[in-house]
Amino acid sequence: MYDNIKQQTAFPLSRSVYVMGGVGSVIGAASAAATNVVMVKNDEIDKSEAVKNVLKESVGAGLAAAAATVVIGAAAPRSSFLSIVGFAVVATGAKILWDKAASPVKQALPETKSKDKNEEKKSLPGKK
């Protein structure tokens, strides 16, 4: 099957994976940079956090594009509509998995609720 695909396309599948992974990385970096520049200007995050975000998104988008290229290149190499839809589905799934794997786990702290509503009113400044 691989020989048949190789004959039909200008690039072998392995080279296409590298090329599409690179394209995905560039697009992911550009998108993340656009978002993070605004956040840095608004003092929501610092520059080092912005760089980490851009690198994480760049790697994630590149891996997602490469994974989608492998799957679609092997499953439907010559079907244009199916390839586009399949690429979008596989790349989205791969990016979701990357985001879950690359994000630090945040443990939710249990909320402490006041049992007595009078205590809440007493603790508010200016209220008696």
N, C-alpha and C. Protein backbone atom coordinates (compact mmCIF):
# COMPACT_ATOMS: atom_id res chain seq x y z
N MET A 1 0.82 -1.20 0.00
CA MET A 1 0.00 0.00 0.00
C MET A 1 0.87 1.27 0.00
N TYR A 2 1.95 1.24 0.78
CA TYR A 2 2.80 2.42 0.86
C TYR A 2 3.43 2.73 -0.50
N ASP A 3 3.83 1.70 -1.25
CA ASP A 3 4.41 1.93 -2.58
C ASP A 3 3.42 2.61 -3.51
N ASN A 4 2.16 2.23 -3.40
CA ASN A 4 1.10 2.83 -4.22
C ASN A 4 0.94 4.31 -3.86
N ILE A 5 0.96 4.63 -2.58
CA ILE A 5 0.84 6.03 -2.13
C ILE A 5 2.05 6.82 -2.60
N LYS A 6 3.23 6.23 -2.49
CA LYS A 6 4.46 6.90 -2.88
C LYS A 6 4.45 7.24 -4.38
N GLN A 7 3.89 6.36 -5.19
CA GLN A 7 3.82 6.61 -6.62
C GLN A 7 2.83 7.72 -6.96
N GLN A 8 1.78 7.85 -6.17
CA GLN A 8 0.72 8.82 -6.47
C GLN A 8 1.06 10.23 -6.01
N THR A 9 1.94 10.38 -5.08
CA THR A 9 2.23 11.70 -4.52
C THR A 9 3.64 12.12 -4.85
N ALA A 10 3.87 13.43 -4.84
CA ALA A 10 5.20 13.96 -5.12
C ALA A 10 6.15 13.70 -3.96
N PHE A 11 5.64 13.77 -2.72
CA PHE A 11 6.46 13.54 -1.54
C PHE A 11 6.10 12.19 -0.94
N PRO A 12 7.10 11.47 -0.44
CA PRO A 12 6.74 10.28 0.33
C PRO A 12 6.06 10.71 1.63
N LEU A 13 5.31 9.80 2.20
CA LEU A 13 4.54 10.13 3.41
C LEU A 13 5.44 10.61 4.54
N SER A 14 6.61 10.01 4.71
CA SER A 14 7.48 10.41 5.81
C SER A 14 7.95 11.86 5.66
N ARG A 15 8.23 12.29 4.45
CA ARG A 15 8.66 13.68 4.24
C ARG A 15 7.48 14.63 4.47
N SER A 16 6.30 14.22 4.06
CA SER A 16 5.11 15.06 4.26
C SER A 16 4.83 15.28 5.75
N VAL A 17 5.10 14.26 6.55
CA VAL A 17 4.88 14.40 8.00
C VAL A 17 5.77 15.50 8.56
N TYR A 18 7.03 15.52 8.16
CA TYR A 18 7.94 16.57 8.64
C TYR A 18 7.52 17.96 8.17
N VAL A 19 7.14 18.03 6.91
CA VAL A 19 6.74 19.32 6.35
C VAL A 19 5.48 19.84 7.04
N MET A 20 4.47 19.00 7.18
CA MET A 20 3.22 19.44 7.81
C MET A 20 3.41 19.72 9.30
N GLY A 21 4.28 18.97 9.96
CA GLY A 21 4.59 19.26 11.36
C GLY A 21 5.23 20.62 11.52
N GLY A 22 6.12 20.95 10.59
CA GLY A 22 6.76 22.27 10.61
C GLY A 22 5.77 23.39 10.35
N VAL A 23 4.89 23.18 9.37
CA VAL A 23 3.86 24.17 9.07
C VAL A 23 2.94 24.36 10.28
N GLY A 24 2.55 23.26 10.90
CA GLY A 24 1.70 23.35 12.10
C GLY A 24 2.38 24.09 13.23
N SER A 25 3.68 23.87 13.40
CA SER A 25 4.43 24.57 14.44
C SER A 25 4.47 26.08 14.20
N VAL A 26 4.69 26.46 12.97
CA VAL A 26 4.74 27.89 12.64
C VAL A 26 3.38 28.54 12.86
N ILE A 27 2.33 27.88 12.42
CA ILE A 27 0.98 28.43 12.60
C ILE A 27 0.63 28.50 14.09
N GLY A 28 0.95 27.45 14.83
CA GLY A 28 0.67 27.46 16.27
C GLY A 28 1.43 28.55 17.01
N ALA A 29 2.70 28.75 16.63
CA ALA A 29 3.51 29.79 17.27
C ALA A 29 2.97 31.18 16.95
N ALA A 30 2.58 31.39 15.70
CA ALA A 30 2.05 32.70 15.31
C ALA A 30 0.75 33.01 16.04
N SER A 31 -0.11 32.02 16.13
CA SER A 31 -1.39 32.22 16.81
C SER A 31 -1.18 32.49 18.31
N ALA A 32 -0.32 31.70 18.94
CA ALA A 32 -0.06 31.89 20.37
C ALA A 32 0.65 33.21 20.63
N ALA A 33 1.56 33.59 19.74
CA ALA A 33 2.27 34.86 19.93
C ALA A 33 1.30 36.03 19.86
N ALA A 34 0.35 35.99 18.93
CA ALA A 34 -0.63 37.07 18.81
C ALA A 34 -1.44 37.22 20.10
N THR A 35 -1.83 36.11 20.67
CA THR A 35 -2.60 36.13 21.91
C THR A 35 -1.75 36.61 23.09
N ASN A 36 -0.53 36.08 23.18
CA ASN A 36 0.32 36.38 24.33
C ASN A 36 0.87 37.79 24.32
N VAL A 37 1.08 38.39 23.16
CA VAL A 37 1.55 39.78 23.09
C VAL A 37 0.53 40.70 23.75
N VAL A 38 -0.73 40.46 23.46
CA VAL A 38 -1.80 41.27 24.06
C VAL A 38 -1.83 41.07 25.57
N MET A 39 -1.67 39.82 26.01
CA MET A 39 -1.71 39.54 27.45
C MET A 39 -0.52 40.18 28.17
N VAL A 40 0.64 40.21 27.54
CA VAL A 40 1.81 40.86 28.15
C VAL A 40 1.59 42.37 28.23
N LYS A 41 1.04 42.96 27.17
CA LYS A 41 0.78 44.40 27.19
C LYS A 41 -0.23 44.79 28.26
N ASN A 42 -1.19 43.91 28.55
CA ASN A 42 -2.19 44.17 29.57
C ASN A 42 -1.73 43.76 30.96
N ASP A 43 -0.48 43.36 31.10
CA ASP A 43 0.11 42.90 32.37
C ASP A 43 -0.65 41.73 32.99
N GLU A 44 -1.20 40.87 32.14
CA GLU A 44 -1.87 39.67 32.64
C GLU A 44 -0.86 38.56 32.90
N ILE A 45 0.20 38.50 32.09
CA ILE A 45 1.28 37.53 32.27
C ILE A 45 2.61 38.24 32.01
N ASP A 46 3.71 37.63 32.49
CA ASP A 46 5.02 38.22 32.20
C ASP A 46 5.61 37.61 30.93
N LYS A 47 6.74 38.13 30.49
CA LYS A 47 7.33 37.72 29.21
C LYS A 47 7.76 36.25 29.22
N SER A 48 8.30 35.79 30.33
CA SER A 48 8.76 34.40 30.37
C SER A 48 7.58 33.43 30.27
N GLU A 49 6.47 33.77 30.88
CA GLU A 49 5.26 32.94 30.77
C GLU A 49 4.74 32.96 29.33
N ALA A 50 4.83 34.10 28.67
CA ALA A 50 4.39 34.21 27.28
C ALA A 50 5.25 33.33 26.37
N VAL A 51 6.55 33.32 26.60
CA VAL A 51 7.44 32.48 25.80
C VAL A 51 7.12 31.01 26.00
N LYS A 52 6.88 30.61 27.25
CA LYS A 52 6.50 29.22 27.53
C LYS A 52 5.20 28.86 26.81
N ASN A 53 4.23 29.76 26.85
CA ASN A 53 2.95 29.50 26.17
C ASN A 53 3.13 29.34 24.66
N VAL A 54 3.95 30.21 24.07
CA VAL A 54 4.18 30.15 22.62
C VAL A 54 4.87 28.84 22.25
N LEU A 55 5.89 28.45 23.01
CA LEU A 55 6.59 27.20 22.73
C LEU A 55 5.67 25.99 22.88
N LYS A 56 4.86 26.00 23.94
CA LYS A 56 3.95 24.88 24.17
C LYS A 56 2.93 24.77 23.03
N GLU A 57 2.38 25.88 22.61
CA GLU A 57 1.40 25.86 21.52
C GLU A 57 2.04 25.48 20.20
N SER A 58 3.26 25.93 19.97
CA SER A 58 3.98 25.60 18.74
C SER A 58 4.22 24.10 18.64
N VAL A 59 4.72 23.51 19.70
CA VAL A 59 4.97 22.07 19.70
C VAL A 59 3.66 21.30 19.56
N GLY A 60 2.63 21.72 20.27
CA GLY A 60 1.34 21.03 20.21
C GLY A 60 0.72 21.07 18.83
N ALA A 61 0.75 22.23 18.20
CA ALA A 61 0.18 22.35 16.85
C ALA A 61 1.00 21.55 15.84
N GLY A 62 2.31 21.55 15.99
CA GLY A 62 3.17 20.77 15.10
C GLY A 62 2.93 19.28 15.23
N LEU A 63 2.84 18.79 16.46
CA LEU A 63 2.55 17.37 16.67
C LEU A 63 1.17 16.99 16.17
N ALA A 64 0.20 17.86 16.37
CA ALA A 64 -1.16 17.57 15.90
C ALA A 64 -1.20 17.49 14.37
N ALA A 65 -0.52 18.42 13.70
CA ALA A 65 -0.48 18.40 12.24
C ALA A 65 0.25 17.17 11.72
N ALA A 66 1.35 16.81 12.37
CA ALA A 66 2.10 15.63 11.95
C ALA A 66 1.28 14.35 12.15
N ALA A 67 0.62 14.24 13.30
CA ALA A 67 -0.20 13.06 13.56
C ALA A 67 -1.34 12.94 12.56
N ALA A 68 -1.98 14.05 12.26
CA ALA A 68 -3.08 14.03 11.30
C ALA A 68 -2.57 13.66 9.91
N THR A 69 -1.38 14.11 9.56
CA THR A 69 -0.81 13.78 8.26
C THR A 69 -0.54 12.28 8.14
N VAL A 70 -0.03 11.68 9.19
CA VAL A 70 0.22 10.24 9.17
C VAL A 70 -1.08 9.47 9.01
N VAL A 71 -2.07 9.81 9.82
CA VAL A 71 -3.34 9.07 9.80
C VAL A 71 -4.04 9.23 8.46
N ILE A 72 -4.18 10.44 8.01
CA ILE A 72 -4.91 10.68 6.76
C ILE A 72 -4.10 10.23 5.56
N GLY A 73 -2.79 10.38 5.61
CA GLY A 73 -1.95 9.91 4.51
C GLY A 73 -2.03 8.42 4.31
N ALA A 74 -2.21 7.67 5.38
CA ALA A 74 -2.32 6.22 5.29
C ALA A 74 -3.74 5.78 4.98
N ALA A 75 -4.73 6.49 5.51
CA ALA A 75 -6.12 6.05 5.38
C ALA A 75 -6.79 6.52 4.09
N ALA A 76 -6.62 7.76 3.72
CA ALA A 76 -7.32 8.31 2.55
C ALA A 76 -6.40 9.26 1.80
N PRO A 77 -5.37 8.73 1.12
CA PRO A 77 -4.37 9.62 0.52
C PRO A 77 -4.85 10.45 -0.66
N ARG A 78 -5.88 10.05 -1.36
CA ARG A 78 -6.28 10.76 -2.57
C ARG A 78 -7.68 11.34 -2.51
N SER A 79 -8.37 11.21 -1.42
CA SER A 79 -9.73 11.74 -1.30
C SER A 79 -9.65 13.15 -0.72
N SER A 80 -9.97 14.16 -1.52
CA SER A 80 -9.76 15.54 -1.08
C SER A 80 -10.70 15.93 0.07
N PHE A 81 -12.01 15.72 -0.08
CA PHE A 81 -12.93 16.14 0.97
C PHE A 81 -12.73 15.34 2.24
N LEU A 82 -12.63 14.02 2.11
CA LEU A 82 -12.43 13.17 3.27
C LEU A 82 -11.10 13.49 3.95
N SER A 83 -10.10 13.80 3.17
CA SER A 83 -8.79 14.14 3.75
C SER A 83 -8.85 15.42 4.56
N ILE A 84 -9.55 16.42 4.06
CA ILE A 84 -9.65 17.70 4.78
C ILE A 84 -10.42 17.53 6.09
N VAL A 85 -11.56 16.87 6.02
CA VAL A 85 -12.37 16.66 7.22
C VAL A 85 -11.62 15.76 8.20
N GLY A 86 -11.04 14.69 7.70
CA GLY A 86 -10.29 13.79 8.57
C GLY A 86 -9.10 14.46 9.21
N PHE A 87 -8.40 15.28 8.45
CA PHE A 87 -7.25 16.01 8.99
C PHE A 87 -7.70 16.91 10.13
N ALA A 88 -8.79 17.64 9.94
CA ALA A 88 -9.29 18.54 10.98
C ALA A 88 -9.68 17.77 12.23
N VAL A 89 -10.33 16.64 12.06
CA VAL A 89 -10.78 15.85 13.21
C VAL A 89 -9.58 15.28 13.97
N VAL A 90 -8.66 14.66 13.25
CA VAL A 90 -7.50 14.05 13.91
C VAL A 90 -6.60 15.10 14.55
N ALA A 91 -6.37 16.22 13.86
CA ALA A 91 -5.53 17.27 14.42
C ALA A 91 -6.16 17.87 15.67
N THR A 92 -7.47 18.06 15.65
CA THR A 92 -8.16 18.60 16.83
C THR A 92 -8.04 17.64 18.01
N GLY A 93 -8.26 16.37 17.77
CA GLY A 93 -8.13 15.38 18.84
C GLY A 93 -6.73 15.31 19.39
N ALA A 94 -5.74 15.35 18.51
CA ALA A 94 -4.35 15.30 18.95
C ALA A 94 -3.98 16.55 19.76
N LYS A 95 -4.49 17.70 19.35
CA LYS A 95 -4.21 18.95 20.08
C LYS A 95 -4.86 18.94 21.46
N ILE A 96 -6.06 18.40 21.55
CA ILE A 96 -6.73 18.29 22.85
C ILE A 96 -5.92 17.39 23.78
N LEU A 97 -5.45 16.26 23.26
CA LEU A 97 -4.63 15.36 24.08
C LEU A 97 -3.33 16.05 24.50
N TRP A 98 -2.71 16.81 23.60
CA TRP A 98 -1.49 17.54 23.94
C TRP A 98 -1.76 18.56 25.04
N ASP A 99 -2.85 19.31 24.91
CA ASP A 99 -3.16 20.32 25.92
C ASP A 99 -3.37 19.70 27.29
N LYS A 100 -4.03 18.55 27.32
CA LYS A 100 -4.23 17.88 28.61
C LYS A 100 -2.92 17.36 29.19
N ALA A 101 -2.05 16.86 28.34
CA ALA A 101 -0.78 16.31 28.80
C ALA A 101 0.20 17.41 29.21
N ALA A 102 0.18 18.54 28.52
CA ALA A 102 1.17 19.59 28.76
C ALA A 102 0.76 20.57 29.85
N SER A 103 -0.51 20.59 30.21
CA SER A 103 -0.98 21.54 31.23
C SER A 103 -0.73 20.97 32.62
N PRO A 104 -0.26 21.80 33.53
CA PRO A 104 -0.08 21.32 34.90
C PRO A 104 -1.43 21.06 35.54
N VAL A 105 -1.47 20.04 36.37
CA VAL A 105 -2.72 19.69 37.06
C VAL A 105 -2.91 20.67 38.20
N LYS A 106 -4.05 21.34 38.19
CA LYS A 106 -4.36 22.29 39.25
C LYS A 106 -5.34 21.62 40.21
N GLN A 107 -4.94 21.55 41.46
CA GLN A 107 -5.83 20.95 42.44
C GLN A 107 -6.76 22.02 42.98
N ALA A 108 -8.03 21.71 42.96
CA ALA A 108 -9.02 22.66 43.46
C ALA A 108 -9.02 22.61 44.98
N LEU A 109 -8.94 23.78 45.57
CA LEU A 109 -9.03 23.86 47.03
C LEU A 109 -10.49 23.85 47.43
N PRO A 110 -10.83 23.14 48.49
CA PRO A 110 -12.23 23.13 48.91
C PRO A 110 -12.64 24.51 49.43
N GLU A 111 -13.83 24.89 49.05
CA GLU A 111 -14.34 26.19 49.50
C GLU A 111 -14.76 26.09 50.95
N THR A 112 -14.49 27.16 51.68
CA THR A 112 -14.95 27.22 53.07
C THR A 112 -16.14 28.15 53.11
N LYS A 113 -17.23 27.62 53.53
CA LYS A 113 -18.45 28.42 53.60
C LYS A 113 -18.77 28.73 55.06
N SER A 114 -19.23 29.93 55.26
CA SER A 114 -19.62 30.33 56.61
C SER A 114 -20.98 29.71 56.91
N LYS A 115 -21.09 29.10 58.07
CA LYS A 115 -22.35 28.45 58.44
C LYS A 115 -23.38 29.45 58.92
N ASP A 116 -22.91 30.55 59.47
CA ASP A 116 -23.82 31.53 60.04
C ASP A 116 -23.80 32.79 59.17
N LYS A 117 -24.94 33.17 58.65
CA LYS A 117 -25.02 34.35 57.79
C LYS A 117 -24.71 35.63 58.57
N ASN A 118 -24.95 35.64 59.86
CA ASN A 118 -24.63 36.81 60.67
C ASN A 118 -23.12 37.03 60.74
N GLU A 119 -22.35 35.95 60.71
CA GLU A 119 -20.90 36.09 60.73
C GLU A 119 -20.42 36.75 59.45
N GLU A 120 -21.05 36.45 58.31
CA GLU A 120 -20.68 37.08 57.05
C GLU A 120 -20.93 38.58 57.11
N LYS A 121 -22.08 38.98 57.64
CA LYS A 121 -22.42 40.40 57.71
C LYS A 121 -21.47 41.13 58.64
N LYS A 122 -21.06 40.48 59.73
CA LYS A 122 -20.15 41.12 60.68
C LYS A 122 -18.77 41.28 60.07
N SER A 123 -18.36 40.36 59.19
CA SER A 123 -17.02 40.43 58.64
C SER A 123 -16.90 41.45 57.50
N LEU A 124 -17.99 41.88 56.93
CA LEU A 124 -17.93 42.85 55.83
C LEU A 124 -17.61 44.23 56.40
N PRO A 125 -16.68 44.95 55.78
CA PRO A 125 -16.35 46.29 56.29
C PRO A 125 -17.51 47.25 56.07
N GLY A 126 -17.78 48.06 57.05
CA GLY A 126 -18.84 49.05 56.96
C GLY A 126 -20.21 48.53 57.31
N LYS A 127 -20.35 47.22 57.53
CA LYS A 127 -21.66 46.64 57.88
C LYS A 127 -21.66 46.32 59.37
N LYS A 128 -22.81 46.58 59.98
CA LYS A 128 -22.96 46.30 61.41
C LYS A 128 -24.06 45.31 61.63
